[in-house]
Amino acid sequence: MARPENWSKLLELHLRQNHGTAFQAFVNKVFGRIHGNEFIPIRANGSKGDKGLDGFMAPGGTVYQCYGAENGKSQKSSNVCKKMVDDYDKARKSGLDMKAWKFTHNMVDGLTADMVMALDGLVKRGKSDGVEVGHFGIEGFPVAVAQYE
């Protein structure tokens, strides 16, 4: 087992090495270990896709939407912003009793200003939709794991 002082470096390395569906698989594995059967990983269903849902916490109604940037850094923030908004809209239309929506990402150096503004727009939309909108990044992993231990 890694010593606590190395844990954050190992996490950052892992987040940088896993992008796309590999990042989503990592999130599913971590959340599954932490929450057991309360966390439901969601996979795409052919041409129907995943309806903007990458993971669902039941009970509680939290939807996790994953974005795994290559090497933990997005090259084009406008694509991330569009995906964020599109996936929120898809999740709202999914029919799930969504109480919270979390933009879950591996961007270890933080989000761009454009991404924060897009997320803030979704926070405001979420308030009128009755959905708590937020994000789950590198800072969230140690907190989630600490709750598990």
C-alpha atoms as a PDB file:
ATOM      1  CA  MET A   1       0.000   0.000   0.000  1.00  0.00           C
ATOM      2  CA  ALA A   2       1.276   3.472  -0.851  1.00  0.00           C
ATOM      3  CA  ARG A   3       2.392   5.691   1.979  1.00  0.00           C
ATOM      4  CA  PRO A   4       0.094   8.711   2.544  1.00  0.00           C
ATOM      5  CA  GLU A   5       2.697  11.200   1.263  1.00  0.00           C
ATOM      6  CA  ASN A   6       2.862   9.328  -2.068  1.00  0.00           C
ATOM      7  CA  TRP A   7      -0.879   8.848  -2.421  1.00  0.00           C
ATOM      8  CA  SER A   8      -1.585  12.204  -4.089  1.00  0.00           C
ATOM      9  CA  LYS A   9       1.258  11.733  -6.590  1.00  0.00           C
ATOM     10  CA  LEU A  10      -0.008   8.253  -7.481  1.00  0.00           C
ATOM     11  CA  LEU A  11      -3.540   9.582  -7.904  1.00  0.00           C
ATOM     12  CA  GLU A  12      -2.351  12.383 -10.198  1.00  0.00           C
ATOM     13  CA  LEU A  13      -0.331   9.929 -12.282  1.00  0.00           C
ATOM     14  CA  HIS A  14      -3.309   7.599 -12.568  1.00  0.00           C
ATOM     15  CA  LEU A  15      -5.625  10.444 -13.588  1.00  0.00           C
ATOM     16  CA  ARG A  16      -3.163  11.638 -16.234  1.00  0.00           C
ATOM     17  CA  GLN A  17      -2.727   8.114 -17.636  1.00  0.00           C
ATOM     18  CA  ASN A  18      -6.446   7.339 -17.919  1.00  0.00           C
ATOM     19  CA  HIS A  19      -8.551   9.290 -20.376  1.00  0.00           C
ATOM     20  CA  GLY A  20     -11.788   8.685 -22.247  1.00  0.00           C
ATOM     21  CA  THR A  21     -13.483   5.420 -21.326  1.00  0.00           C
ATOM     22  CA  ALA A  22     -10.463   4.354 -19.227  1.00  0.00           C
ATOM     23  CA  PHE A  23     -11.113   7.329 -16.931  1.00  0.00           C
ATOM     24  CA  GLN A  24     -14.787   6.417 -16.704  1.00  0.00           C
ATOM     25  CA  ALA A  25     -13.808   2.828 -15.804  1.00  0.00           C
ATOM     26  CA  PHE A  26     -11.471   4.186 -13.095  1.00  0.00           C
ATOM     27  CA  VAL A  27     -14.252   6.345 -11.621  1.00  0.00           C
ATOM     28  CA  ASN A  28     -16.651   3.399 -11.699  1.00  0.00           C
ATOM     29  CA  LYS A  29     -14.119   1.182  -9.914  1.00  0.00           C
ATOM     30  CA  VAL A  30     -13.343   3.763  -7.208  1.00  0.00           C
ATOM     31  CA  PHE A  31     -16.973   4.711  -6.601  1.00  0.00           C
ATOM     32  CA  GLY A  32     -18.027   1.061  -6.650  1.00  0.00           C
ATOM     33  CA  ARG A  33     -15.450   0.235  -3.980  1.00  0.00           C
ATOM     34  CA  ILE A  34     -16.490   3.201  -1.858  1.00  0.00           C
ATOM     35  CA  HIS A  35     -20.264   2.932  -2.215  1.00  0.00           C
ATOM     36  CA  GLY A  36     -20.851  -0.715  -3.093  1.00  0.00           C
ATOM     37  CA  ASN A  37     -24.191  -1.464  -4.726  1.00  0.00           C
ATOM     38  CA  GLU A  38     -25.432   2.083  -4.108  1.00  0.00           C
ATOM     39  CA  PHE A  39     -23.265   3.215  -7.037  1.00  0.00           C
ATOM     40  CA  ILE A  40     -24.449   2.007 -10.433  1.00  0.00           C
ATOM     41  CA  PRO A  41     -21.973   2.302 -13.319  1.00  0.00           C
ATOM     42  CA  ILE A  42     -23.654   3.064 -16.636  1.00  0.00           C
ATOM     43  CA  ARG A  43     -22.320   1.938 -19.992  1.00  0.00           C
ATOM     44  CA  ALA A  44     -23.327   3.004 -23.480  1.00  0.00           C
ATOM     45  CA  ASN A  45     -26.030   0.957 -25.183  1.00  0.00           C
ATOM     46  CA  GLY A  46     -25.042   0.921 -28.848  1.00  0.00           C
ATOM     47  CA  SER A  47     -26.559   3.733 -30.897  1.00  0.00           C
ATOM     48  CA  LYS A  48     -28.691   4.796 -27.908  1.00  0.00           C
ATOM     49  CA  GLY A  49     -25.527   5.908 -26.088  1.00  0.00           C
ATOM     50  CA  ASP A  50     -25.565   6.444 -22.345  1.00  0.00           C
ATOM     51  CA  LYS A  51     -28.099   9.311 -22.258  1.00  0.00           C
ATOM     52  CA  GLY A  52     -25.512  11.575 -20.598  1.00  0.00           C
ATOM     53  CA  LEU A  53     -25.251   9.180 -17.649  1.00  0.00           C
ATOM     54  CA  ASP A  54     -21.894   7.662 -16.680  1.00  0.00           C
ATOM     55  CA  GLY A  55     -22.768   6.666 -13.119  1.00  0.00           C
ATOM     56  CA  PHE A  56     -25.743   6.918 -10.770  1.00  0.00           C
ATOM     57  CA  MET A  57     -25.848   6.934  -6.984  1.00  0.00           C
ATOM     58  CA  ALA A  58     -28.987   5.323  -5.634  1.00  0.00           C
ATOM     59  CA  PRO A  59     -30.400   6.279  -3.237  1.00  0.00           C
ATOM     60  CA  GLY A  60     -29.688   9.960  -3.451  1.00  0.00           C
ATOM     61  CA  GLY A  61     -30.189  10.552  -7.143  1.00  0.00           C
ATOM     62  CA  THR A  62     -26.706  11.809  -8.042  1.00  0.00           C
ATOM     63  CA  VAL A  63     -25.674  11.485 -11.691  1.00  0.00           C
ATOM     64  CA  TYR A  64     -21.950  11.474 -12.505  1.00  0.00           C
ATOM     65  CA  GLN A  65     -20.904  12.627 -15.978  1.00  0.00           C
ATOM     66  CA  CYS A  66     -17.277  11.745 -16.748  1.00  0.00           C
ATOM     67  CA  TYR A  67     -14.840  13.665 -18.889  1.00  0.00           C
ATOM     68  CA  GLY A  68     -11.412  12.050 -19.148  1.00  0.00           C
ATOM     69  CA  ALA A  69      -8.980  14.442 -20.822  1.00  0.00           C
ATOM     70  CA  GLU A  70      -5.804  13.068 -22.380  1.00  0.00           C
ATOM     71  CA  ASN A  71      -2.876  13.470 -19.945  1.00  0.00           C
ATOM     72  CA  GLY A  72      -5.243  15.191 -17.507  1.00  0.00           C
ATOM     73  CA  LYS A  73      -5.432  18.350 -19.624  1.00  0.00           C
ATOM     74  CA  SER A  74      -8.025  19.371 -22.193  1.00  0.00           C
ATOM     75  CA  GLN A  75      -6.695  20.839 -25.409  1.00  0.00           C
ATOM     76  CA  LYS A  76      -9.954  22.517 -26.426  1.00  0.00           C
ATOM     77  CA  SER A  77     -12.122  23.897 -23.651  1.00  0.00           C
ATOM     78  CA  SER A  78     -15.005  24.709 -26.014  1.00  0.00           C
ATOM     79  CA  ASN A  79     -15.452  20.951 -26.636  1.00  0.00           C
ATOM     80  CA  VAL A  80     -15.519  20.270 -22.885  1.00  0.00           C
ATOM     81  CA  CYS A  81     -18.069  23.043 -22.326  1.00  0.00           C
ATOM     82  CA  LYS A  82     -20.310  21.684 -25.090  1.00  0.00           C
ATOM     83  CA  LYS A  83     -20.086  18.126 -23.752  1.00  0.00           C
ATOM     84  CA  MET A  84     -20.840  19.336 -20.235  1.00  0.00           C
ATOM     85  CA  VAL A  85     -24.015  21.162 -21.322  1.00  0.00           C
ATOM     86  CA  ASP A  86     -25.112  18.418 -23.747  1.00  0.00           C
ATOM     87  CA  ASP A  87     -24.719  15.682 -21.126  1.00  0.00           C
ATOM     88  CA  TYR A  88     -26.591  17.699 -18.495  1.00  0.00           C
ATOM     89  CA  ASP A  89     -29.454  18.171 -20.971  1.00  0.00           C
ATOM     90  CA  LYS A  90     -29.467  14.453 -21.842  1.00  0.00           C
ATOM     91  CA  ALA A  91     -29.454  13.479 -18.161  1.00  0.00           C
ATOM     92  CA  ARG A  92     -32.393  15.817 -17.482  1.00  0.00           C
ATOM     93  CA  LYS A  93     -34.339  14.118 -20.297  1.00  0.00           C
ATOM     94  CA  SER A  94     -33.419  10.587 -19.141  1.00  0.00           C
ATOM     95  CA  GLY A  95     -36.343  10.265 -16.771  1.00  0.00           C
ATOM     96  CA  LEU A  96     -34.162   9.482 -13.727  1.00  0.00           C
ATOM     97  CA  ASP A  97     -35.085  11.152 -10.453  1.00  0.00           C
ATOM     98  CA  MET A  98     -31.931  13.273 -10.620  1.00  0.00           C
ATOM     99  CA  LYS A  99     -31.344  15.350  -7.516  1.00  0.00           C
ATOM    100  CA  ALA A 100     -27.667  16.150  -8.196  1.00  0.00           C
ATOM    101  CA  TRP A 101     -25.376  16.195 -11.241  1.00  0.00           C
ATOM    102  CA  LYS A 102     -21.588  16.131 -10.960  1.00  0.00           C
ATOM    103  CA  PHE A 103     -19.154  16.973 -13.752  1.00  0.00           C
ATOM    104  CA  THR A 104     -16.495  14.369 -12.957  1.00  0.00           C
ATOM    105  CA  HIS A 105     -13.118  14.984 -14.555  1.00  0.00           C
ATOM    106  CA  ASN A 106      -9.413  14.189 -14.479  1.00  0.00           C
ATOM    107  CA  MET A 107      -8.083  17.670 -15.285  1.00  0.00           C
ATOM    108  CA  VAL A 108      -5.443  17.729 -12.557  1.00  0.00           C
ATOM    109  CA  ASP A 109      -4.324  21.300 -13.266  1.00  0.00           C
ATOM    110  CA  GLY A 110      -7.861  22.642 -12.897  1.00  0.00           C
ATOM    111  CA  LEU A 111     -10.551  23.862 -15.253  1.00  0.00           C
ATOM    112  CA  THR A 112     -10.293  26.734 -17.712  1.00  0.00           C
ATOM    113  CA  ALA A 113     -12.280  29.912 -17.081  1.00  0.00           C
ATOM    114  CA  ASP A 114     -14.639  28.921 -19.929  1.00  0.00           C
ATOM    115  CA  MET A 115     -15.321  25.573 -18.262  1.00  0.00           C
ATOM    116  CA  VAL A 116     -16.010  27.239 -14.910  1.00  0.00           C
ATOM    117  CA  MET A 117     -18.391  29.690 -16.594  1.00  0.00           C
ATOM    118  CA  ALA A 118     -20.203  26.802 -18.342  1.00  0.00           C
ATOM    119  CA  LEU A 119     -20.422  24.936 -15.034  1.00  0.00           C
ATOM    120  CA  ASP A 120     -21.696  28.077 -13.295  1.00  0.00           C
ATOM    121  CA  GLY A 121     -24.377  28.386 -15.976  1.00  0.00           C
ATOM    122  CA  LEU A 122     -25.407  24.813 -15.241  1.00  0.00           C
ATOM    123  CA  VAL A 123     -25.452  25.549 -11.494  1.00  0.00           C
ATOM    124  CA  LYS A 124     -27.952  28.339 -12.189  1.00  0.00           C
ATOM    125  CA  ARG A 125     -30.017  26.122 -14.503  1.00  0.00           C
ATOM    126  CA  GLY A 126     -29.891  23.345 -11.941  1.00  0.00           C
ATOM    127  CA  LYS A 127     -31.401  25.596  -9.276  1.00  0.00           C
ATOM    128  CA  SER A 128     -34.445  26.204 -11.453  1.00  0.00           C
ATOM    129  CA  ASP A 129     -34.554  22.474 -12.362  1.00  0.00           C
ATOM    130  CA  GLY A 130     -34.292  21.384  -8.713  1.00  0.00           C
ATOM    131  CA  VAL A 131     -30.881  19.761  -9.365  1.00  0.00           C
ATOM    132  CA  GLU A 132     -27.733  20.457  -7.361  1.00  0.00           C
ATOM    133  CA  VAL A 133     -24.978  20.885  -9.967  1.00  0.00           C
ATOM    134  CA  GLY A 134     -21.299  20.613  -9.074  1.00  0.00           C
ATOM    135  CA  HIS A 135     -18.012  19.059 -10.044  1.00  0.00           C
ATOM    136  CA  PHE A 136     -15.828  16.210  -8.831  1.00  0.00           C
ATOM    137  CA  GLY A 137     -12.139  16.570  -9.641  1.00  0.00           C
ATOM    138  CA  ILE A 138      -8.787  15.509  -8.236  1.00  0.00           C
ATOM    139  CA  GLU A 139      -9.580  17.155  -4.899  1.00  0.00           C
ATOM    140  CA  GLY A 140     -12.674  14.984  -4.466  1.00  0.00           C
ATOM    141  CA  PHE A 141     -10.940  11.600  -4.588  1.00  0.00           C
ATOM    142  CA  PRO A 142      -9.096  11.824  -1.235  1.00  0.00           C
ATOM    143  CA  VAL A 143     -12.271  13.102   0.457  1.00  0.00           C
ATOM    144  CA  ALA A 144     -14.351  10.258  -0.998  1.00  0.00           C
ATOM    145  CA  VAL A 145     -11.756   7.635  -0.047  1.00  0.00           C
ATOM    146  CA  ALA A 146     -11.407   9.067   3.479  1.00  0.00           C
ATOM    147  CA  GLN A 147     -15.152   8.666   3.970  1.00  0.00           C
ATOM    148  CA  TYR A 148     -14.797   5.021   2.951  1.00  0.00           C
ATOM    149  CA  GLU A 149     -11.954   4.196   5.347  1.00  0.00           C
END
